Amino acid sequence: MTSPLRYRYRQFGAVVVGSLAGSAVLVVALGLALGEPVLIFGGPVLISVATLLFYHLTVEIDATHLTFRLGIGPGQSH
């Protein structure tokens, strides 16, 4: 039987998303300056994956568990 949910908070990571977006722009600019297609295309793809993993934080607390999730990742109970 699941305990009733007592607290849930979800926070968007504006600083994380902004920092990663800026990093993607810098990686593309560096790739264009150096003529490296790997940086132009691969860098933003990897940074997009990092953004999906960390774009928000969800915290849930009930009578028996504290659960937290980052981005699209699974919850962890402690």
PDB file of N, CA and C in Angstrom:
ATOM      1  N   MET A   1       0.831  -1.181   0.000  1.00  0.00           N
ATOM      2  CA  MET A   1       0.000   0.000   0.000  1.00  0.00           C
ATOM      3  C   MET A   1       0.882   1.253   0.000  1.00  0.00           C
ATOM      4  N   THR A   2       0.558   2.194  -0.848  1.00  0.00           N
ATOM      5  CA  THR A   2       1.333   3.418  -0.976  1.00  0.00           C
ATOM      6  C   THR A   2       0.855   4.455   0.037  1.00  0.00           C
ATOM      7  N   SER A   3       1.796   5.127   0.670  1.00  0.00           N
ATOM      8  CA  SER A   3       1.460   6.192   1.614  1.00  0.00           C
ATOM      9  C   SER A   3       0.933   7.399   0.858  1.00  0.00           C
ATOM     10  N   PRO A   4       0.020   8.156   1.474  1.00  0.00           N
ATOM     11  CA  PRO A   4      -0.479   9.353   0.788  1.00  0.00           C
ATOM     12  C   PRO A   4       0.646  10.370   0.601  1.00  0.00           C
ATOM     13  N   LEU A   5       0.615  11.022  -0.535  1.00  0.00           N
ATOM     14  CA  LEU A   5       1.628  12.031  -0.845  1.00  0.00           C
ATOM     15  C   LEU A   5       1.422  13.246   0.052  1.00  0.00           C
ATOM     16  N   ARG A   6       2.488  13.678   0.715  1.00  0.00           N
ATOM     17  CA  ARG A   6       2.374  14.809   1.631  1.00  0.00           C
ATOM     18  C   ARG A   6       3.018  16.073   1.069  1.00  0.00           C
ATOM     19  N   TYR A   7       4.017  15.923   0.213  1.00  0.00           N
ATOM     20  CA  TYR A   7       4.719  17.094  -0.303  1.00  0.00           C
ATOM     21  C   TYR A   7       5.285  16.755  -1.665  1.00  0.00           C
ATOM     22  N   ARG A   8       5.132  17.677  -2.617  1.00  0.00           N
ATOM     23  CA  ARG A   8       5.746  17.518  -3.934  1.00  0.00           C
ATOM     24  C   ARG A   8       6.153  18.900  -4.423  1.00  0.00           C
ATOM     25  N   TYR A   9       7.376  18.977  -4.905  1.00  0.00           N
ATOM     26  CA  TYR A   9       7.893  20.241  -5.415  1.00  0.00           C
ATOM     27  C   TYR A   9       8.667  19.961  -6.690  1.00  0.00           C
ATOM     28  N   ARG A  10       8.411  20.760  -7.704  1.00  0.00           N
ATOM     29  CA  ARG A  10       9.130  20.629  -8.972  1.00  0.00           C
ATOM     30  C   ARG A  10       9.723  21.988  -9.316  1.00  0.00           C
ATOM     31  N   GLN A  11      11.015  21.980  -9.613  1.00  0.00           N
ATOM     32  CA  GLN A  11      11.722  23.225  -9.905  1.00  0.00           C
ATOM     33  C   GLN A  11      12.405  23.116 -11.257  1.00  0.00           C
ATOM     34  N   PHE A  12      12.169  24.101 -12.114  1.00  0.00           N
ATOM     35  CA  PHE A  12      12.830  24.168 -13.413  1.00  0.00           C
ATOM     36  C   PHE A  12      14.235  24.715 -13.217  1.00  0.00           C
ATOM     37  N   GLY A  13      15.206  24.099 -13.862  1.00  0.00           N
ATOM     38  CA  GLY A  13      16.604  24.513 -13.727  1.00  0.00           C
ATOM     39  C   GLY A  13      16.990  25.553 -14.754  1.00  0.00           C
ATOM     40  N   ALA A  14      16.539  26.783 -14.560  1.00  0.00           N
ATOM     41  CA  ALA A  14      16.811  27.856 -15.521  1.00  0.00           C
ATOM     42  C   ALA A  14      18.306  28.114 -15.672  1.00  0.00           C
ATOM     43  N   VAL A  15      19.038  28.091 -14.570  1.00  0.00           N
ATOM     44  CA  VAL A  15      20.484  28.331 -14.636  1.00  0.00           C
ATOM     45  C   VAL A  15      21.172  27.197 -15.388  1.00  0.00           C
ATOM     46  N   VAL A  16      20.761  25.967 -15.125  1.00  0.00           N
ATOM     47  CA  VAL A  16      21.358  24.806 -15.807  1.00  0.00           C
ATOM     48  C   VAL A  16      21.063  24.869 -17.299  1.00  0.00           C
ATOM     49  N   VAL A  17      19.809  25.098 -17.655  1.00  0.00           N
ATOM     50  CA  VAL A  17      19.432  25.147 -19.070  1.00  0.00           C
ATOM     51  C   VAL A  17      20.130  26.310 -19.773  1.00  0.00           C
ATOM     52  N   GLY A  18      20.167  27.467 -19.133  1.00  0.00           N
ATOM     53  CA  GLY A  18      20.852  28.618 -19.731  1.00  0.00           C
ATOM     54  C   GLY A  18      22.338  28.380 -19.920  1.00  0.00           C
ATOM     55  N   SER A  19      22.968  27.783 -18.917  1.00  0.00           N
ATOM     56  CA  SER A  19      24.406  27.488 -19.010  1.00  0.00           C
ATOM     57  C   SER A  19      24.697  26.485 -20.114  1.00  0.00           C
ATOM     58  N   LEU A  20      23.871  25.450 -20.198  1.00  0.00           N
ATOM     59  CA  LEU A  20      24.092  24.442 -21.234  1.00  0.00           C
ATOM     60  C   LEU A  20      23.797  24.992 -22.629  1.00  0.00           C
ATOM     61  N   ALA A  21      22.800  25.864 -22.752  1.00  0.00           N
ATOM     62  CA  ALA A  21      22.519  26.488 -24.052  1.00  0.00           C
ATOM     63  C   ALA A  21      23.691  27.373 -24.476  1.00  0.00           C
ATOM     64  N   GLY A  22      24.221  28.136 -23.538  1.00  0.00           N
ATOM     65  CA  GLY A  22      25.399  28.955 -23.836  1.00  0.00           C
ATOM     66  C   GLY A  22      26.599  28.113 -24.219  1.00  0.00           C
ATOM     67  N   SER A  23      26.761  26.986 -23.536  1.00  0.00           N
ATOM     68  CA  SER A  23      27.860  26.072 -23.864  1.00  0.00           C
ATOM     69  C   SER A  23      27.700  25.508 -25.265  1.00  0.00           C
ATOM     70  N   ALA A  24      26.469  25.180 -25.641  1.00  0.00           N
ATOM     71  CA  ALA A  24      26.227  24.652 -26.985  1.00  0.00           C
ATOM     72  C   ALA A  24      26.601  25.684 -28.045  1.00  0.00           C
ATOM     73  N   VAL A  25      26.249  26.934 -27.807  1.00  0.00           N
ATOM     74  CA  VAL A  25      26.593  28.005 -28.754  1.00  0.00           C
ATOM     75  C   VAL A  25      28.111  28.151 -28.857  1.00  0.00           C
ATOM     76  N   LEU A  26      28.797  28.120 -27.722  1.00  0.00           N
ATOM     77  CA  LEU A  26      30.259  28.236 -27.742  1.00  0.00           C
ATOM     78  C   LEU A  26      30.922  27.057 -28.456  1.00  0.00           C
ATOM     79  N   VAL A  27      30.398  25.854 -28.253  1.00  0.00           N
ATOM     80  CA  VAL A  27      30.970  24.676 -28.917  1.00  0.00           C
ATOM     81  C   VAL A  27      30.778  24.778 -30.428  1.00  0.00           C
ATOM     82  N   VAL A  28      29.597  25.219 -30.858  1.00  0.00           N
ATOM     83  CA  VAL A  28      29.361  25.391 -32.302  1.00  0.00           C
ATOM     84  C   VAL A  28      30.287  26.468 -32.863  1.00  0.00           C
ATOM     85  N   ALA A  29      30.438  27.584 -32.159  1.00  0.00           N
ATOM     86  CA  ALA A  29      31.334  28.652 -32.623  1.00  0.00           C
ATOM     87  C   ALA A  29      32.771  28.154 -32.715  1.00  0.00           C
ATOM     88  N   LEU A  30      33.197  27.389 -31.724  1.00  0.00           N
ATOM     89  CA  LEU A  30      34.540  26.816 -31.753  1.00  0.00           C
ATOM     90  C   LEU A  30      34.692  25.848 -32.925  1.00  0.00           C
ATOM     91  N   GLY A  31      33.666  25.027 -33.150  1.00  0.00           N
ATOM     92  CA  GLY A  31      33.699  24.099 -34.283  1.00  0.00           C
ATOM     93  C   GLY A  31      33.772  24.816 -35.614  1.00  0.00           C
ATOM     94  N   LEU A  32      33.031  25.918 -35.746  1.00  0.00           N
ATOM     95  CA  LEU A  32      33.084  26.700 -36.985  1.00  0.00           C
ATOM     96  C   LEU A  32      34.447  27.351 -37.166  1.00  0.00           C
ATOM     97  N   ALA A  33      35.021  27.860 -36.080  1.00  0.00           N
ATOM     98  CA  ALA A  33      36.331  28.510 -36.156  1.00  0.00           C
ATOM     99  C   ALA A  33      37.425  27.516 -36.521  1.00  0.00           C
ATOM    100  N   LEU A  34      37.321  26.300 -36.004  1.00  0.00           N
ATOM    101  CA  LEU A  34      38.343  25.280 -36.264  1.00  0.00           C
ATOM    102  C   LEU A  34      38.019  24.403 -37.468  1.00  0.00           C
ATOM    103  N   GLY A  35      36.813  24.532 -38.002  1.00  0.00           N
ATOM    104  CA  GLY A  35      36.406  23.697 -39.125  1.00  0.00           C
ATOM    105  C   GLY A  35      36.215  22.240 -38.740  1.00  0.00           C
ATOM    106  N   GLU A  36      35.760  21.999 -37.527  1.00  0.00           N
ATOM    107  CA  GLU A  36      35.572  20.636 -37.017  1.00  0.00           C
ATOM    108  C   GLU A  36      34.090  20.275 -37.002  1.00  0.00           C
ATOM    109  N   PRO A  37      33.641  19.417 -37.929  1.00  0.00           N
ATOM    110  CA  PRO A  37      32.228  19.025 -37.950  1.00  0.00           C
ATOM    111  C   PRO A  37      31.792  18.275 -36.688  1.00  0.00           C
ATOM    112  N   VAL A  38      32.727  17.587 -36.040  1.00  0.00           N
ATOM    113  CA  VAL A  38      32.380  16.860 -34.814  1.00  0.00           C
ATOM    114  C   VAL A  38      31.909  17.842 -33.741  1.00  0.00           C
ATOM    115  N   LEU A  39      32.581  18.969 -33.615  1.00  0.00           N
ATOM    116  CA  LEU A  39      32.168  19.975 -32.635  1.00  0.00           C
ATOM    117  C   LEU A  39      30.875  20.667 -33.053  1.00  0.00           C
ATOM    118  N   ILE A  40      30.722  20.908 -34.344  1.00  0.00           N
ATOM    119  CA  ILE A  40      29.541  21.617 -34.836  1.00  0.00           C
ATOM    120  C   ILE A  40      28.278  20.800 -34.604  1.00  0.00           C
ATOM    121  N   PHE A  41      28.339  19.488 -34.840  1.00  0.00           N
ATOM    122  CA  PHE A  41      27.145  18.650 -34.736  1.00  0.00           C
ATOM    123  C   PHE A  41      27.114  17.807 -33.460  1.00  0.00           C
ATOM    124  N   GLY A  42      28.235  17.235 -33.086  1.00  0.00           N
ATOM    125  CA  GLY A  42      28.276  16.337 -31.929  1.00  0.00           C
ATOM    126  C   GLY A  42      28.170  17.045 -30.596  1.00  0.00           C
ATOM    127  N   GLY A  43      28.789  18.213 -30.485  1.00  0.00           N
ATOM    128  CA  GLY A  43      28.754  18.958 -29.228  1.00  0.00           C
ATOM    129  C   GLY A  43      27.341  19.306 -28.788  1.00  0.00           C
ATOM    130  N   PRO A  44      26.551  19.937 -29.661  1.00  0.00           N
ATOM    131  CA  PRO A  44      25.177  20.260 -29.270  1.00  0.00           C
ATOM    132  C   PRO A  44      24.316  19.029 -28.967  1.00  0.00           C
ATOM    133  N   VAL A  45      24.583  17.919 -29.641  1.00  0.00           N
ATOM    134  CA  VAL A  45      23.825  16.694 -29.351  1.00  0.00           C
ATOM    135  C   VAL A  45      24.120  16.221 -27.930  1.00  0.00           C
ATOM    136  N   LEU A  46      25.389  16.182 -27.559  1.00  0.00           N
ATOM    137  CA  LEU A  46      25.755  15.757 -26.204  1.00  0.00           C
ATOM    138  C   LEU A  46      25.235  16.733 -25.150  1.00  0.00           C
ATOM    139  N   ILE A  47      25.298  18.009 -25.441  1.00  0.00           N
ATOM    140  CA  ILE A  47      24.794  19.008 -24.494  1.00  0.00           C
ATOM    141  C   ILE A  47      23.272  18.905 -24.369  1.00  0.00           C
ATOM    142  N   SER A  48      22.583  18.574 -25.452  1.00  0.00           N
ATOM    143  CA  SER A  48      21.129  18.370 -25.391  1.00  0.00           C
ATOM    144  C   SER A  48      20.770  17.197 -24.492  1.00  0.00           C
ATOM    145  N   VAL A  49      21.557  16.133 -24.562  1.00  0.00           N
ATOM    146  CA  VAL A  49      21.328  14.980 -23.682  1.00  0.00           C
ATOM    147  C   VAL A  49      21.511  15.401 -22.223  1.00  0.00           C
ATOM    148  N   ALA A  50      22.554  16.157 -21.939  1.00  0.00           N
ATOM    149  CA  ALA A  50      22.777  16.646 -20.570  1.00  0.00           C
ATOM    150  C   ALA A  50      21.617  17.532 -20.118  1.00  0.00           C
ATOM    151  N   THR A  51      21.088  18.348 -21.022  1.00  0.00           N
ATOM    152  CA  THR A  51      19.951  19.203 -20.679  1.00  0.00           C
ATOM    153  C   THR A  51      18.734  18.366 -20.309  1.00  0.00           C
ATOM    154  N   LEU A  52      18.460  17.314 -21.071  1.00  0.00           N
ATOM    155  CA  LEU A  52      17.335  16.433 -20.746  1.00  0.00           C
ATOM    156  C   LEU A  52      17.500  15.775 -19.382  1.00  0.00           C
ATOM    157  N   LEU A  53      18.729  15.460 -19.028  1.00  0.00           N
ATOM    158  CA  LEU A  53      18.973  14.781 -17.755  1.00  0.00           C
ATOM    159  C   LEU A  53      18.856  15.704 -16.548  1.00  0.00           C
ATOM    160  N   PHE A  54      19.051  17.006 -16.730  1.00  0.00           N
ATOM    161  CA  PHE A  54      19.128  17.913 -15.581  1.00  0.00           C
ATOM    162  C   PHE A  54      18.219  19.137 -15.661  1.00  0.00           C
ATOM    163  N   TYR A  55      17.218  19.171 -16.545  1.00  0.00           N
ATOM    164  CA  TYR A  55      16.453  20.398 -16.727  1.00  0.00           C
ATOM    165  C   TYR A  55      15.459  20.696 -15.607  1.00  0.00           C
ATOM    166  N   HIS A  56      15.107  19.709 -14.803  1.00  0.00           N
ATOM    167  CA  HIS A  56      14.254  20.011 -13.654  1.00  0.00           C
ATOM    168  C   HIS A  56      14.527  19.042 -12.513  1.00  0.00           C
ATOM    169  N   LEU A  57      14.131  19.466 -11.328  1.00  0.00           N
ATOM    170  CA  LEU A  57      14.262  18.670 -10.111  1.00  0.00           C
ATOM    171  C   LEU A  57      12.871  18.490  -9.524  1.00  0.00           C
ATOM    172  N   THR A  58      12.510  17.240  -9.219  1.00  0.00           N
ATOM    173  CA  THR A  58      11.253  16.945  -8.546  1.00  0.00           C
ATOM    174  C   THR A  58      11.564  16.256  -7.231  1.00  0.00           C
ATOM    175  N   VAL A  59      10.966  16.759  -6.150  1.00  0.00           N
ATOM    176  CA  VAL A  59      11.120  16.164  -4.826  1.00  0.00           C
ATOM    177  C   VAL A  59       9.734  15.785  -4.330  1.00  0.00           C
ATOM    178  N   GLU A  60       9.583  14.528  -3.862  1.00  0.00           N
ATOM    179  CA  GLU A  60       8.323  14.064  -3.288  1.00  0.00           C
ATOM    180  C   GLU A  60       8.614  13.448  -1.926  1.00  0.00           C
ATOM    181  N   ILE A  61       7.803  13.800  -0.940  1.00  0.00           N
ATOM    182  CA  ILE A  61       7.971  13.270   0.408  1.00  0.00           C
ATOM    183  C   ILE A  61       6.626  12.738   0.880  1.00  0.00           C
ATOM    184  N   ASP A  62       6.613  11.491   1.373  1.00  0.00           N
ATOM    185  CA  ASP A  62       5.422  10.947   2.018  1.00  0.00           C
ATOM    186  C   ASP A  62       5.821  10.441   3.400  1.00  0.00           C
ATOM    187  N   ALA A  63       4.985   9.659   4.012  1.00  0.00           N
ATOM    188  CA  ALA A  63       5.235   9.216   5.387  1.00  0.00           C
ATOM    189  C   ALA A  63       6.468   8.331   5.513  1.00  0.00           C
ATOM    190  N   THR A  64       6.863   7.660   4.437  1.00  0.00           N
ATOM    191  CA  THR A  64       7.962   6.697   4.536  1.00  0.00           C
ATOM    192  C   THR A  64       9.119   6.941   3.582  1.00  0.00           C
ATOM    193  N   HIS A  65       8.955   7.787   2.566  1.00  0.00           N
ATOM    194  CA  HIS A  65       9.994   7.925   1.545  1.00  0.00           C
ATOM    195  C   HIS A  65      10.252   9.379   1.161  1.00  0.00           C
ATOM    196  N   LEU A  66      11.487   9.620   0.804  1.00  0.00           N
ATOM    197  CA  LEU A  66      11.901  10.852   0.138  1.00  0.00           C
ATOM    198  C   LEU A  66      12.352  10.427  -1.249  1.00  0.00           C
ATOM    199  N   THR A  67      11.694  10.937  -2.280  1.00  0.00           N
ATOM    200  CA  THR A  67      12.015  10.573  -3.656  1.00  0.00           C
ATOM    201  C   THR A  67      12.404  11.833  -4.414  1.00  0.00           C
ATOM    202  N   PHE A  68      13.473  11.720  -5.207  1.00  0.00           N
ATOM    203  CA  PHE A  68      13.860  12.863  -6.026  1.00  0.00           C
ATOM    204  C   PHE A  68      14.194  12.392  -7.424  1.00  0.00           C
ATOM    205  N   ARG A  69      13.923  13.249  -8.400  1.00  0.00           N
ATOM    206  CA  ARG A  69      14.220  12.961  -9.804  1.00  0.00           C
ATOM    207  C   ARG A  69      14.837  14.195 -10.432  1.00  0.00           C
ATOM    208  N   LEU A  70      15.791  13.970 -11.302  1.00  0.00           N
ATOM    209  CA  LEU A  70      16.388  15.035 -12.103  1.00  0.00           C
ATOM    210  C   LEU A  70      16.022  14.784 -13.553  1.00  0.00           C
ATOM    211  N   GLY A  71      15.471  15.769 -14.228  1.00  0.00           N
ATOM    212  CA  GLY A  71      15.149  15.649 -15.641  1.00  0.00           C
ATOM    213  C   GLY A  71      14.282  14.457 -15.934  1.00  0.00           C
ATOM    214  N   ILE A  72      14.682  13.659 -16.902  1.00  0.00           N
ATOM    215  CA  ILE A  72      13.904  12.494 -17.289  1.00  0.00           C
ATOM    216  C   ILE A  72      14.358  11.240 -16.565  1.00  0.00           C
ATOM    217  N   GLY A  73      15.268  11.389 -15.611  1.00  0.00           N
ATOM    218  CA  GLY A  73      15.806  10.239 -14.890  1.00  0.00           C
ATOM    219  C   GLY A  73      14.800   9.615 -13.944  1.00  0.00           C
ATOM    220  N   PRO A  74      15.053   8.359 -13.543  1.00  0.00           N
ATOM    221  CA  PRO A  74      14.158   7.676 -12.606  1.00  0.00           C
ATOM    222  C   PRO A  74      14.305   8.245 -11.198  1.00  0.00           C
ATOM    223  N   GLY A  75      13.284   8.066 -10.391  1.00  0.00           N
ATOM    224  CA  GLY A  75      13.317   8.533  -9.010  1.00  0.00           C
ATOM    225  C   GLY A  75      14.214   7.658  -8.153  1.00  0.00           C
ATOM    226  N   GLN A  76      14.767   8.240  -7.113  1.00  0.00           N
ATOM    227  CA  GLN A  76      15.596   7.519  -6.150  1.00  0.00           C
ATOM    228  C   GLN A  76      14.978   7.704  -4.776  1.00  0.00           C
ATOM    229  N   SER A  77      14.738   6.617  -4.053  1.00  0.00           N
ATOM    230  CA  SER A  77      14.162   6.713  -2.712  1.00  0.00           C
ATOM    231  C   SER A  77      15.245   6.577  -1.665  1.00  0.00           C
ATOM    232  N   HIS A  78      15.157   7.397  -0.606  1.00  0.00           N
ATOM    233  CA  HIS A  78      16.109   7.334   0.511  1.00  0.00           C
ATOM    234  C   HIS A  78      15.372   7.562   1.798  1.00  0.00           C
TER     235      HIS A  78
END
